[in-house]
Amino acid sequence: MPGAALVYVEYGPYDACGIVEHRESRLHGLQATLTRNGHSVQLVQVKDWNAVRLVVNGECVFKCDIAALDYGGDGKLDELCAQAAECVSKAY
């Protein structure tokens, strides 16, 4: 695999305290993990509620519920961030 990939992180709105909107706070650990592995990250808002999809070269390589990601942090202790990084590395 080449050393770096451009990863589009598509994320949808989710409900927090009765307000549904796009929030990036649950994506911080995922972004940190991917950039730590040398990838470039581009955030893309989508309309699908609770969705997170990682797209590399036009192909969805990982998806999960945004609420399953840890809030804030660096992603080092979030198992989903490790799984996502592995899927991105296998995308080629």
PDB file of N, CA and C in Angstrom:
ATOM      1  N   MET A   1       0.829  -1.177   0.000  1.00  0.00           N
ATOM      2  CA  MET A   1       0.000   0.000   0.000  1.00  0.00           C
ATOM      3  C   MET A   1       0.872   1.238   0.000  1.00  0.00           C
ATOM      4  N   PRO A   2       0.478   2.250  -0.745  1.00  0.00           N
ATOM      5  CA  PRO A   2       1.178   3.523  -0.633  1.00  0.00           C
ATOM      6  C   PRO A   2       1.093   4.043   0.800  1.00  0.00           C
ATOM      7  N   GLY A   3       2.023   4.892   1.170  1.00  0.00           N
ATOM      8  CA  GLY A   3       2.092   5.361   2.548  1.00  0.00           C
ATOM      9  C   GLY A   3       0.901   6.156   3.029  1.00  0.00           C
ATOM     10  N   ALA A   4       0.208   6.833   2.108  1.00  0.00           N
ATOM     11  CA  ALA A   4      -0.888   7.692   2.551  1.00  0.00           C
ATOM     12  C   ALA A   4      -2.059   7.594   1.598  1.00  0.00           C
ATOM     13  N   ALA A   5      -3.235   7.749   2.143  1.00  0.00           N
ATOM     14  CA  ALA A   5      -4.457   7.746   1.347  1.00  0.00           C
ATOM     15  C   ALA A   5      -5.270   8.980   1.709  1.00  0.00           C
ATOM     16  N   LEU A   6      -6.075   9.425   0.763  1.00  0.00           N
ATOM     17  CA  LEU A   6      -7.043  10.470   1.049  1.00  0.00           C
ATOM     18  C   LEU A   6      -8.322   9.768   1.485  1.00  0.00           C
ATOM     19  N   VAL A   7      -8.713   9.999   2.725  1.00  0.00           N
ATOM     20  CA  VAL A   7      -9.872   9.327   3.308  1.00  0.00           C
ATOM     21  C   VAL A   7     -10.992  10.347   3.489  1.00  0.00           C
ATOM     22  N   TYR A   8     -12.111  10.078   2.837  1.00  0.00           N
ATOM     23  CA  TYR A   8     -13.300  10.900   3.033  1.00  0.00           C
ATOM     24  C   TYR A   8     -14.104  10.287   4.169  1.00  0.00           C
ATOM     25  N   VAL A   9     -14.318  11.060   5.214  1.00  0.00           N
ATOM     26  CA  VAL A   9     -15.121  10.613   6.343  1.00  0.00           C
ATOM     27  C   VAL A   9     -16.504  11.233   6.173  1.00  0.00           C
ATOM     28  N   GLU A  10     -17.447  10.414   5.745  1.00  0.00           N
ATOM     29  CA  GLU A  10     -18.828  10.869   5.583  1.00  0.00           C
ATOM     30  C   GLU A  10     -19.541  10.637   6.906  1.00  0.00           C
ATOM     31  N   TYR A  11     -20.142  11.690   7.432  1.00  0.00           N
ATOM     32  CA  TYR A  11     -20.819  11.555   8.727  1.00  0.00           C
ATOM     33  C   TYR A  11     -22.159  12.278   8.696  1.00  0.00           C
ATOM     34  N   GLY A  12     -23.115  11.680   9.378  1.00  0.00           N
ATOM     35  CA  GLY A  12     -24.454  12.236   9.416  1.00  0.00           C
ATOM     36  C   GLY A  12     -24.777  12.858  10.758  1.00  0.00           C
ATOM     37  N   PRO A  13     -25.921  13.492  10.832  1.00  0.00           N
ATOM     38  CA  PRO A  13     -26.336  14.092  12.102  1.00  0.00           C
ATOM     39  C   PRO A  13     -26.762  13.017  13.096  1.00  0.00           C
ATOM     40  N   TYR A  14     -26.680  13.360  14.363  1.00  0.00           N
ATOM     41  CA  TYR A  14     -27.182  12.445  15.391  1.00  0.00           C
ATOM     42  C   TYR A  14     -27.818  13.246  16.516  1.00  0.00           C
ATOM     43  N   ASP A  15     -28.620  12.562  17.307  1.00  0.00           N
ATOM     44  CA  ASP A  15     -29.389  13.173  18.377  1.00  0.00           C
ATOM     45  C   ASP A  15     -28.561  13.238  19.653  1.00  0.00           C
ATOM     46  N   ALA A  16     -28.442  14.442  20.190  1.00  0.00           N
ATOM     47  CA  ALA A  16     -27.813  14.635  21.500  1.00  0.00           C
ATOM     48  C   ALA A  16     -28.645  15.668  22.250  1.00  0.00           C
ATOM     49  N   CYS A  17     -29.179  15.267  23.378  1.00  0.00           N
ATOM     50  CA  CYS A  17     -30.015  16.142  24.208  1.00  0.00           C
ATOM     51  C   CYS A  17     -31.221  16.667  23.444  1.00  0.00           C
ATOM     52  N   GLY A  18     -31.769  15.825  22.573  1.00  0.00           N
ATOM     53  CA  GLY A  18     -32.967  16.199  21.840  1.00  0.00           C
ATOM     54  C   GLY A  18     -32.735  17.090  20.631  1.00  0.00           C
ATOM     55  N   ILE A  19     -31.495  17.370  20.307  1.00  0.00           N
ATOM     56  CA  ILE A  19     -31.170  18.206  19.148  1.00  0.00           C
ATOM     57  C   ILE A  19     -30.415  17.358  18.137  1.00  0.00           C
ATOM     58  N   VAL A  20     -30.932  17.310  16.917  1.00  0.00           N
ATOM     59  CA  VAL A  20     -30.298  16.531  15.857  1.00  0.00           C
ATOM     60  C   VAL A  20     -29.529  17.479  14.950  1.00  0.00           C
ATOM     61  N   GLU A  21     -28.208  17.286  14.893  1.00  0.00           N
ATOM     62  CA  GLU A  21     -27.366  18.086  14.009  1.00  0.00           C
ATOM     63  C   GLU A  21     -26.039  17.380  13.767  1.00  0.00           C
ATOM     64  N   HIS A  22     -25.303  17.878  12.784  1.00  0.00           N
ATOM     65  CA  HIS A  22     -23.971  17.338  12.501  1.00  0.00           C
ATOM     66  C   HIS A  22     -23.016  17.831  13.581  1.00  0.00           C
ATOM     67  N   ARG A  23     -22.281  16.913  14.154  1.00  0.00           N
ATOM     68  CA  ARG A  23     -21.273  17.251  15.174  1.00  0.00           C
ATOM     69  C   ARG A  23     -19.998  16.490  14.859  1.00  0.00           C
ATOM     70  N   GLU A  24     -18.871  17.135  15.050  1.00  0.00           N
ATOM     71  CA  GLU A  24     -17.582  16.512  14.747  1.00  0.00           C
ATOM     72  C   GLU A  24     -16.866  15.991  15.990  1.00  0.00           C
ATOM     73  N   SER A  25     -17.416  16.205  17.178  1.00  0.00           N
ATOM     74  CA  SER A  25     -16.712  15.831  18.401  1.00  0.00           C
ATOM     75  C   SER A  25     -16.448  14.338  18.525  1.00  0.00           C
ATOM     76  N   ARG A  26     -17.306  13.501  17.997  1.00  0.00           N
ATOM     77  CA  ARG A  26     -17.075  12.056  18.053  1.00  0.00           C
ATOM     78  C   ARG A  26     -16.105  11.599  16.966  1.00  0.00           C
ATOM     79  N   LEU A  27     -15.733  12.486  16.075  1.00  0.00           N
ATOM     80  CA  LEU A  27     -14.819  12.131  14.992  1.00  0.00           C
ATOM     81  C   LEU A  27     -13.367  12.492  15.296  1.00  0.00           C
ATOM     82  N   HIS A  28     -13.108  13.192  16.395  1.00  0.00           N
ATOM     83  CA  HIS A  28     -11.747  13.633  16.702  1.00  0.00           C
ATOM     84  C   HIS A  28     -10.766  12.466  16.823  1.00  0.00           C
ATOM     85  N   GLY A  29     -11.166  11.422  17.519  1.00  0.00           N
ATOM     86  CA  GLY A  29     -10.280  10.266  17.686  1.00  0.00           C
ATOM     87  C   GLY A  29     -10.025   9.555  16.370  1.00  0.00           C
ATOM     88  N   LEU A  30     -11.051   9.446  15.552  1.00  0.00           N
ATOM     89  CA  LEU A  30     -10.911   8.817  14.244  1.00  0.00           C
ATOM     90  C   LEU A  30      -9.973   9.628  13.360  1.00  0.00           C
ATOM     91  N   GLN A  31     -10.148  10.943  13.341  1.00  0.00           N
ATOM     92  CA  GLN A  31      -9.259  11.809  12.572  1.00  0.00           C
ATOM     93  C   GLN A  31      -7.821  11.689  13.061  1.00  0.00           C
ATOM     94  N   ALA A  32      -7.633  11.696  14.362  1.00  0.00           N
ATOM     95  CA  ALA A  32      -6.288  11.609  14.928  1.00  0.00           C
ATOM     96  C   ALA A  32      -5.620  10.285  14.570  1.00  0.00           C
ATOM     97  N   THR A  33      -6.373   9.203  14.646  1.00  0.00           N
ATOM     98  CA  THR A  33      -5.828   7.890  14.315  1.00  0.00           C
ATOM     99  C   THR A  33      -5.405   7.816  12.853  1.00  0.00           C
ATOM    100  N   LEU A  34      -6.253   8.306  11.973  1.00  0.00           N
ATOM    101  CA  LEU A  34      -5.941   8.246  10.547  1.00  0.00           C
ATOM    102  C   LEU A  34      -4.757   9.141  10.183  1.00  0.00           C
ATOM    103  N   THR A  35      -4.697  10.346  10.737  1.00  0.00           N
ATOM    104  CA  THR A  35      -3.567  11.226  10.433  1.00  0.00           C
ATOM    105  C   THR A  35      -2.280  10.702  11.059  1.00  0.00           C
ATOM    106  N   ARG A  36      -2.386  10.053  12.212  1.00  0.00           N
ATOM    107  CA  ARG A  36      -1.204   9.455  12.847  1.00  0.00           C
ATOM    108  C   ARG A  36      -0.620   8.365  11.951  1.00  0.00           C
ATOM    109  N   ASN A  37      -1.474   7.711  11.173  1.00  0.00           N
ATOM    110  CA  ASN A  37      -1.024   6.669  10.239  1.00  0.00           C
ATOM    111  C   ASN A  37      -0.618   7.242   8.884  1.00  0.00           C
ATOM    112  N   GLY A  38      -0.596   8.569   8.761  1.00  0.00           N
ATOM    113  CA  GLY A  38      -0.107   9.211   7.548  1.00  0.00           C
ATOM    114  C   GLY A  38      -1.156   9.516   6.493  1.00  0.00           C
ATOM    115  N   HIS A  39      -2.421   9.347   6.803  1.00  0.00           N
ATOM    116  CA  HIS A  39      -3.486   9.589   5.835  1.00  0.00           C
ATOM    117  C   HIS A  39      -3.993  11.025   5.930  1.00  0.00           C
ATOM    118  N   SER A  40      -4.536  11.521   4.826  1.00  0.00           N
ATOM    119  CA  SER A  40      -5.213  12.815   4.814  1.00  0.00           C
ATOM    120  C   SER A  40      -6.699  12.568   5.008  1.00  0.00           C
ATOM    121  N   VAL A  41      -7.340  13.425   5.799  1.00  0.00           N
ATOM    122  CA  VAL A  41      -8.751  13.229   6.139  1.00  0.00           C
ATOM    123  C   VAL A  41      -9.565  14.427   5.657  1.00  0.00           C
ATOM    124  N   GLN A  42     -10.650  14.131   4.981  1.00  0.00           N
ATOM    125  CA  GLN A  42     -11.588  15.151   4.519  1.00  0.00           C
ATOM    126  C   GLN A  42     -12.965  14.809   5.091  1.00  0.00           C
ATOM    127  N   LEU A  43     -13.543  15.711   5.871  1.00  0.00           N
ATOM    128  CA  LEU A  43     -14.871  15.477   6.450  1.00  0.00           C
ATOM    129  C   LEU A  43     -15.948  15.903   5.460  1.00  0.00           C
ATOM    130  N   VAL A  44     -16.972  15.058   5.321  1.00  0.00           N
ATOM    131  CA  VAL A  44     -18.080  15.326   4.401  1.00  0.00           C
ATOM    132  C   VAL A  44     -19.388  15.065   5.150  1.00  0.00           C
ATOM    133  N   GLN A  45     -20.231  16.084   5.241  1.00  0.00           N
ATOM    134  CA  GLN A  45     -21.527  15.907   5.882  1.00  0.00           C
ATOM    135  C   GLN A  45     -22.489  15.214   4.916  1.00  0.00           C
ATOM    136  N   VAL A  46     -23.218  14.231   5.445  1.00  0.00           N
ATOM    137  CA  VAL A  46     -24.245  13.535   4.670  1.00  0.00           C
ATOM    138  C   VAL A  46     -25.551  13.591   5.457  1.00  0.00           C
ATOM    139  N   LYS A  47     -26.640  13.224   4.823  1.00  0.00           N
ATOM    140  CA  LYS A  47     -27.957  13.321   5.457  1.00  0.00           C
ATOM    141  C   LYS A  47     -28.343  12.081   6.260  1.00  0.00           C
ATOM    142  N   ASP A  48     -27.619  10.993   6.136  1.00  0.00           N
ATOM    143  CA  ASP A  48     -27.957   9.744   6.819  1.00  0.00           C
ATOM    144  C   ASP A  48     -27.700   9.875   8.323  1.00  0.00           C
ATOM    145  N   TRP A  49     -28.763   9.726   9.107  1.00  0.00           N
ATOM    146  CA  TRP A  49     -28.647   9.845  10.560  1.00  0.00           C
ATOM    147  C   TRP A  49     -27.705   8.781  11.113  1.00  0.00           C
ATOM    148  N   ASN A  50     -26.905   9.165  12.093  1.00  0.00           N
ATOM    149  CA  ASN A  50     -26.036   8.275  12.874  1.00  0.00           C
ATOM    150  C   ASN A  50     -24.959   7.570  12.048  1.00  0.00           C
ATOM    151  N   ALA A  51     -24.726   7.975  10.836  1.00  0.00           N
ATOM    152  CA  ALA A  51     -23.817   7.249   9.947  1.00  0.00           C
ATOM    153  C   ALA A  51     -22.397   7.805   9.981  1.00  0.00           C
ATOM    154  N   VAL A  52     -21.444   6.896   9.898  1.00  0.00           N
ATOM    155  CA  VAL A  52     -20.042   7.236   9.614  1.00  0.00           C
ATOM    156  C   VAL A  52     -19.570   6.231   8.577  1.00  0.00           C
ATOM    157  N   ARG A  53     -19.040   6.737   7.476  1.00  0.00           N
ATOM    158  CA  ARG A  53     -18.487   5.885   6.427  1.00  0.00           C
ATOM    159  C   ARG A  53     -17.127   6.433   6.029  1.00  0.00           C
ATOM    160  N   LEU A  54     -16.167   5.553   5.861  1.00  0.00           N
ATOM    161  CA  LEU A  54     -14.851   5.936   5.363  1.00  0.00           C
ATOM    162  C   LEU A  54     -14.765   5.508   3.904  1.00  0.00           C
ATOM    163  N   VAL A  55     -14.465   6.461   3.044  1.00  0.00           N
ATOM    164  CA  VAL A  55     -14.407   6.207   1.612  1.00  0.00           C
ATOM    165  C   VAL A  55     -12.992   6.469   1.129  1.00  0.00           C
ATOM    166  N   VAL A  56     -12.404   5.452   0.488  1.00  0.00           N
ATOM    167  CA  VAL A  56     -11.058   5.556  -0.086  1.00  0.00           C
ATOM    168  C   VAL A  56     -11.157   5.137  -1.545  1.00  0.00           C
ATOM    169  N   ASN A  57     -10.673   5.982  -2.431  1.00  0.00           N
ATOM    170  CA  ASN A  57     -10.730   5.710  -3.873  1.00  0.00           C
ATOM    171  C   ASN A  57     -12.138   5.386  -4.344  1.00  0.00           C
ATOM    172  N   GLY A  58     -13.131   6.068  -3.805  1.00  0.00           N
ATOM    173  CA  GLY A  58     -14.509   5.883  -4.218  1.00  0.00           C
ATOM    174  C   GLY A  58     -15.201   4.659  -3.652  1.00  0.00           C
ATOM    175  N   GLU A  59     -14.528   3.937  -2.785  1.00  0.00           N
ATOM    176  CA  GLU A  59     -15.088   2.715  -2.213  1.00  0.00           C
ATOM    177  C   GLU A  59     -15.250   2.868  -0.698  1.00  0.00           C
ATOM    178  N   CYS A  60     -16.414   2.484  -0.192  1.00  0.00           N
ATOM    179  CA  CYS A  60     -16.652   2.509   1.247  1.00  0.00           C
ATOM    180  C   CYS A  60     -15.902   1.331   1.870  1.00  0.00           C
ATOM    181  N   VAL A  61     -14.925   1.640   2.727  1.00  0.00           N
ATOM    182  CA  VAL A  61     -14.101   0.582   3.319  1.00  0.00           C
ATOM    183  C   VAL A  61     -14.445   0.303   4.778  1.00  0.00           C
ATOM    184  N   PHE A  62     -15.230   1.201   5.397  1.00  0.00           N
ATOM    185  CA  PHE A  62     -15.596   1.024   6.810  1.00  0.00           C
ATOM    186  C   PHE A  62     -16.842   1.845   7.076  1.00  0.00           C
ATOM    187  N   LYS A  63     -17.731   1.308   7.929  1.00  0.00           N
ATOM    188  CA  LYS A  63     -18.889   2.081   8.369  1.00  0.00           C
ATOM    189  C   LYS A  63     -19.266   1.671   9.780  1.00  0.00           C
ATOM    190  N   CYS A  64     -19.840   2.633  10.517  1.00  0.00           N
ATOM    191  CA  CYS A  64     -20.289   2.369  11.873  1.00  0.00           C
ATOM    192  C   CYS A  64     -21.303   3.433  12.277  1.00  0.00           C
ATOM    193  N   ASP A  65     -21.874   3.245  13.442  1.00  0.00           N
ATOM    194  CA  ASP A  65     -22.780   4.226  14.028  1.00  0.00           C
ATOM    195  C   ASP A  65     -21.917   5.287  14.717  1.00  0.00           C
ATOM    196  N   ILE A  66     -22.190   6.538  14.454  1.00  0.00           N
ATOM    197  CA  ILE A  66     -21.369   7.614  15.016  1.00  0.00           C
ATOM    198  C   ILE A  66     -21.402   7.605  16.546  1.00  0.00           C
ATOM    199  N   ALA A  67     -22.519   7.177  17.143  1.00  0.00           N
ATOM    200  CA  ALA A  67     -22.632   7.148  18.597  1.00  0.00           C
ATOM    201  C   ALA A  67     -21.746   6.067  19.222  1.00  0.00           C
ATOM    202  N   ALA A  68     -21.269   5.109  18.413  1.00  0.00           N
ATOM    203  CA  ALA A  68     -20.397   4.058  18.926  1.00  0.00           C
ATOM    204  C   ALA A  68     -18.957   4.547  19.097  1.00  0.00           C
ATOM    205  N   LEU A  69     -18.610   5.660  18.465  1.00  0.00           N
ATOM    206  CA  LEU A  69     -17.264   6.219  18.614  1.00  0.00           C
ATOM    207  C   LEU A  69     -17.156   6.964  19.939  1.00  0.00           C
ATOM    208  N   ASP A  70     -15.976   6.940  20.541  1.00  0.00           N
ATOM    209  CA  ASP A  70     -15.760   7.655  21.797  1.00  0.00           C
ATOM    210  C   ASP A  70     -15.848   9.156  21.565  1.00  0.00           C
ATOM    211  N   TYR A  71     -16.367   9.866  22.530  1.00  0.00           N
ATOM    212  CA  TYR A  71     -16.501  11.319  22.453  1.00  0.00           C
ATOM    213  C   TYR A  71     -15.153  11.969  22.723  1.00  0.00           C
ATOM    214  N   GLY A  72     -14.688  12.802  21.785  1.00  0.00           N
ATOM    215  CA  GLY A  72     -13.411  13.498  21.959  1.00  0.00           C
ATOM    216  C   GLY A  72     -12.253  12.513  22.003  1.00  0.00           C
ATOM    217  N   GLY A  73     -11.149  12.913  22.549  1.00  0.00           N
ATOM    218  CA  GLY A  73      -9.998  12.034  22.728  1.00  0.00           C
ATOM    219  C   GLY A  73      -9.136  11.907  21.495  1.00  0.00           C
ATOM    220  N   ASP A  74      -8.127  11.043  21.621  1.00  0.00           N
ATOM    221  CA  ASP A  74      -7.149  10.884  20.546  1.00  0.00           C
ATOM    222  C   ASP A  74      -7.308   9.576  19.778  1.00  0.00           C
ATOM    223  N   GLY A  75      -8.291   8.766  20.135  1.00  0.00           N
ATOM    224  CA  GLY A  75      -8.567   7.539  19.409  1.00  0.00           C
ATOM    225  C   GLY A  75      -7.699   6.355  19.779  1.00  0.00           C
ATOM    226  N   LYS A  76      -6.722   6.537  20.653  1.00  0.00           N
ATOM    227  CA  LYS A  76      -5.806   5.441  20.991  1.00  0.00           C
ATOM    228  C   LYS A  76      -6.492   4.309  21.755  1.00  0.00           C
ATOM    229  N   LEU A  77      -7.536   4.619  22.497  1.00  0.00           N
ATOM    230  CA  LEU A  77      -8.231   3.593  23.274  1.00  0.00           C
ATOM    231  C   LEU A  77      -9.548   3.151  22.645  1.00  0.00           C
ATOM    232  N   ASP A  78      -9.906   3.738  21.516  1.00  0.00           N
ATOM    233  CA  ASP A  78     -11.159   3.417  20.847  1.00  0.00           C
ATOM    234  C   ASP A  78     -10.922   2.292  19.845  1.00  0.00           C
ATOM    235  N   GLU A  79     -11.511   1.143  20.119  1.00  0.00           N
ATOM    236  CA  GLU A  79     -11.319  -0.033  19.261  1.00  0.00           C
ATOM    237  C   GLU A  79     -11.848   0.202  17.842  1.00  0.00           C
ATOM    238  N   LEU A  80     -12.923   0.962  17.706  1.00  0.00           N
ATOM    239  CA  LEU A  80     -13.458   1.251  16.373  1.00  0.00           C
ATOM    240  C   LEU A  80     -12.471   2.060  15.531  1.00  0.00           C
ATOM    241  N   CYS A  81     -11.731   2.955  16.153  1.00  0.00           N
ATOM    242  CA  CYS A  81     -10.725   3.736  15.427  1.00  0.00           C
ATOM    243  C   CYS A  81      -9.622   2.823  14.904  1.00  0.00           C
ATOM    244  N   ALA A  82      -9.217   1.848  15.701  1.00  0.00           N
ATOM    245  CA  ALA A  82      -8.196   0.892  15.263  1.00  0.00           C
ATOM    246  C   ALA A  82      -8.719   0.041  14.110  1.00  0.00           C
ATOM    247  N   GLN A  83      -9.966  -0.397  14.190  1.00  0.00           N
ATOM    248  CA  GLN A  83     -10.564  -1.179  13.106  1.00  0.00           C
ATOM    249  C   GLN A  83     -10.662  -0.359  11.829  1.00  0.00           C
ATOM    250  N   ALA A  84     -11.050   0.906  11.970  1.00  0.00           N
ATOM    251  CA  ALA A  84     -11.172   1.787  10.804  1.00  0.00           C
ATOM    252  C   ALA A  84      -9.817   1.991  10.136  1.00  0.00           C
ATOM    253  N   ALA A  85      -8.782   2.229  10.929  1.00  0.00           N
ATOM    254  CA  ALA A  85      -7.442   2.427  10.377  1.00  0.00           C
ATOM    255  C   ALA A  85      -6.959   1.186   9.649  1.00  0.00           C
ATOM    256  N   GLU A  86      -7.273   0.015  10.193  1.00  0.00           N
ATOM    257  CA  GLU A  86      -6.889  -1.243   9.536  1.00  0.00           C
ATOM    258  C   GLU A  86      -7.611  -1.401   8.202  1.00  0.00           C
ATOM    259  N   CYS A  87      -8.890  -1.055   8.161  1.00  0.00           N
ATOM    260  CA  CYS A  87      -9.654  -1.150   6.906  1.00  0.00           C
ATOM    261  C   CYS A  87      -9.103  -0.192   5.855  1.00  0.00           C
ATOM    262  N   VAL A  88      -8.689   1.003   6.277  1.00  0.00           N
ATOM    263  CA  VAL A  88      -8.109   1.969   5.336  1.00  0.00           C
ATOM    264  C   VAL A  88      -6.786   1.436   4.808  1.00  0.00           C
ATOM    265  N   SER A  89      -5.971   0.823   5.669  1.00  0.00           N
ATOM    266  CA  SER A  89      -4.682   0.305   5.218  1.00  0.00           C
ATOM    267  C   SER A  89      -4.828  -0.863   4.247  1.00  0.00           C
ATOM    268  N   LYS A  90      -5.941  -1.585   4.339  1.00  0.00           N
ATOM    269  CA  LYS A  90      -6.185  -2.717   3.442  1.00  0.00           C
ATOM    270  C   LYS A  90      -6.945  -2.300   2.181  1.00  0.00           C
ATOM    271  N   ALA A  91      -7.224  -1.016   2.034  1.00  0.00           N
ATOM    272  CA  ALA A  91      -8.063  -0.544   0.935  1.00  0.00           C
ATOM    273  C   ALA A  91      -7.388  -0.647  -0.426  1.00  0.00           C
ATOM    274  N   TYR A  92      -6.089  -0.822  -0.474  1.00  0.00           N
ATOM    275  CA  TYR A  92      -5.382  -0.854  -1.761  1.00  0.00           C
ATOM    276  C   TYR A  92      -5.183  -2.245  -2.261  1.00  0.00           C
TER     277      TYR A  92
END
